[in-house]
């Protein structure tokens, strides 16, 4: 994960977001994929502030459930678009 390098050089927050640029390439992420990415990020950067943007491509129910799941594992901020 490229953002690991930014933490090493002094960044104090990581944001998992900007999925829009990937939609144009046909890449759409599921709730499970985003959750796993968040878990990996926490394991790599346990002392960092982590923010996750919830993609609008998920159903409202999926957005709510993912938000709750992310908060449960310790994600600091969750943004919905």
C-alpha atoms as a PDB file:
ATOM      1  CA  UNK A   1       0.000   0.000   0.000  1.00  0.00           C
ATOM      2  CA  UNK A   2       1.542   3.253  -1.152  1.00  0.00           C
ATOM      3  CA  UNK A   3       0.176   5.334   1.720  1.00  0.00           C
ATOM      4  CA  UNK A   4       2.371   3.398   4.150  1.00  0.00           C
ATOM      5  CA  UNK A   5       5.327   5.380   2.804  1.00  0.00           C
ATOM      6  CA  UNK A   6       3.545   8.673   3.507  1.00  0.00           C
ATOM      7  CA  UNK A   7       3.056   7.708   7.137  1.00  0.00           C
ATOM      8  CA  UNK A   8       6.744   6.861   7.429  1.00  0.00           C
ATOM      9  CA  UNK A   9       7.672  10.361   6.247  1.00  0.00           C
ATOM     10  CA  UNK A  10       5.292  12.141   8.596  1.00  0.00           C
ATOM     11  CA  UNK A  11       1.658  12.059   7.461  1.00  0.00           C
ATOM     12  CA  UNK A  12      -0.660  11.575  10.431  1.00  0.00           C
ATOM     13  CA  UNK A  13      -3.837  10.490   8.633  1.00  0.00           C
ATOM     14  CA  UNK A  14      -4.731   8.032   5.885  1.00  0.00           C
ATOM     15  CA  UNK A  15      -7.888   8.255   3.821  1.00  0.00           C
ATOM     16  CA  UNK A  16      -9.270   5.351   1.820  1.00  0.00           C
ATOM     17  CA  UNK A  17     -11.333   7.117  -0.808  1.00  0.00           C
ATOM     18  CA  UNK A  18     -11.532   8.611  -4.288  1.00  0.00           C
ATOM     19  CA  UNK A  19     -13.188   5.593  -5.817  1.00  0.00           C
ATOM     20  CA  UNK A  20     -14.591   7.780  -8.624  1.00  0.00           C
ATOM     21  CA  UNK A  21     -11.370   7.651 -10.622  1.00  0.00           C
ATOM     22  CA  UNK A  22     -11.623   3.858 -10.586  1.00  0.00           C
ATOM     23  CA  UNK A  23     -15.274   3.728 -11.668  1.00  0.00           C
ATOM     24  CA  UNK A  24     -14.253   5.109 -15.065  1.00  0.00           C
ATOM     25  CA  UNK A  25     -11.995   2.078 -15.440  1.00  0.00           C
ATOM     26  CA  UNK A  26     -14.843  -0.280 -14.594  1.00  0.00           C
ATOM     27  CA  UNK A  27     -13.640  -1.031 -11.067  1.00  0.00           C
ATOM     28  CA  UNK A  28     -16.363  -1.087  -8.439  1.00  0.00           C
ATOM     29  CA  UNK A  29     -15.660  -2.158  -4.873  1.00  0.00           C
ATOM     30  CA  UNK A  30     -17.943  -4.264  -2.719  1.00  0.00           C
ATOM     31  CA  UNK A  31     -18.532  -3.700   0.988  1.00  0.00           C
ATOM     32  CA  UNK A  32     -16.369  -6.730   1.732  1.00  0.00           C
ATOM     33  CA  UNK A  33     -13.474  -5.410  -0.333  1.00  0.00           C
ATOM     34  CA  UNK A  34     -13.565  -2.020   1.368  1.00  0.00           C
ATOM     35  CA  UNK A  35     -13.827  -3.653   4.789  1.00  0.00           C
ATOM     36  CA  UNK A  36     -10.828  -5.903   4.080  1.00  0.00           C
ATOM     37  CA  UNK A  37      -8.828  -2.928   2.814  1.00  0.00           C
ATOM     38  CA  UNK A  38      -9.637  -1.090   6.035  1.00  0.00           C
ATOM     39  CA  UNK A  39      -8.572  -4.101   8.129  1.00  0.00           C
ATOM     40  CA  UNK A  40      -5.276  -4.345   6.230  1.00  0.00           C
ATOM     41  CA  UNK A  41      -4.697  -0.633   6.721  1.00  0.00           C
ATOM     42  CA  UNK A  42      -5.310  -0.898  10.469  1.00  0.00           C
ATOM     43  CA  UNK A  43      -2.872  -3.806  10.726  1.00  0.00           C
ATOM     44  CA  UNK A  44      -0.190  -1.894   8.806  1.00  0.00           C
ATOM     45  CA  UNK A  45      -0.774   1.450  10.518  1.00  0.00           C
ATOM     46  CA  UNK A  46      -2.232   0.765  13.978  1.00  0.00           C
ATOM     47  CA  UNK A  47      -1.273   4.187  15.364  1.00  0.00           C
ATOM     48  CA  UNK A  48      -2.590   6.279  12.470  1.00  0.00           C
ATOM     49  CA  UNK A  49      -5.876   8.080  12.026  1.00  0.00           C
ATOM     50  CA  UNK A  50      -7.806   6.286   9.295  1.00  0.00           C
ATOM     51  CA  UNK A  51     -10.754   7.661   7.353  1.00  0.00           C
ATOM     52  CA  UNK A  52     -12.860   5.708   4.859  1.00  0.00           C
ATOM     53  CA  UNK A  53     -15.239   7.170   2.286  1.00  0.00           C
ATOM     54  CA  UNK A  54     -18.260   4.957   1.624  1.00  0.00           C
ATOM     55  CA  UNK A  55     -18.925   4.627  -2.122  1.00  0.00           C
ATOM     56  CA  UNK A  56     -22.297   5.748  -3.430  1.00  0.00           C
ATOM     57  CA  UNK A  57     -22.432   2.614  -5.582  1.00  0.00           C
ATOM     58  CA  UNK A  58     -23.456   0.593  -2.522  1.00  0.00           C
ATOM     59  CA  UNK A  59     -27.106   0.367  -1.550  1.00  0.00           C
ATOM     60  CA  UNK A  60     -28.229   2.471   1.399  1.00  0.00           C
ATOM     61  CA  UNK A  61     -28.419  -0.641   3.564  1.00  0.00           C
ATOM     62  CA  UNK A  62     -24.863  -1.641   2.543  1.00  0.00           C
ATOM     63  CA  UNK A  63     -23.594   1.876   3.275  1.00  0.00           C
ATOM     64  CA  UNK A  64     -25.088   1.854   6.761  1.00  0.00           C
ATOM     65  CA  UNK A  65     -23.858  -1.660   7.542  1.00  0.00           C
ATOM     66  CA  UNK A  66     -20.354  -0.914   6.266  1.00  0.00           C
ATOM     67  CA  UNK A  67     -20.239   2.277   8.333  1.00  0.00           C
ATOM     68  CA  UNK A  68     -21.168   0.343  11.483  1.00  0.00           C
ATOM     69  CA  UNK A  69     -18.663  -2.413  10.692  1.00  0.00           C
ATOM     70  CA  UNK A  70     -15.859   0.090  10.085  1.00  0.00           C
ATOM     71  CA  UNK A  71     -16.555   1.969  13.299  1.00  0.00           C
ATOM     72  CA  UNK A  72     -16.560  -1.375  15.180  1.00  0.00           C
ATOM     73  CA  UNK A  73     -13.030  -2.237  13.998  1.00  0.00           C
ATOM     74  CA  UNK A  74     -11.714   1.209  14.916  1.00  0.00           C
ATOM     75  CA  UNK A  75     -11.902   3.367  11.803  1.00  0.00           C
ATOM     76  CA  UNK A  76     -11.778   6.949  13.068  1.00  0.00           C
ATOM     77  CA  UNK A  77     -13.925   8.693  10.464  1.00  0.00           C
ATOM     78  CA  UNK A  78     -16.426   7.469   7.896  1.00  0.00           C
ATOM     79  CA  UNK A  79     -17.629   9.733   5.105  1.00  0.00           C
ATOM     80  CA  UNK A  80     -20.635   9.020   2.928  1.00  0.00           C
ATOM     81  CA  UNK A  81     -21.022  10.461  -0.552  1.00  0.00           C
END
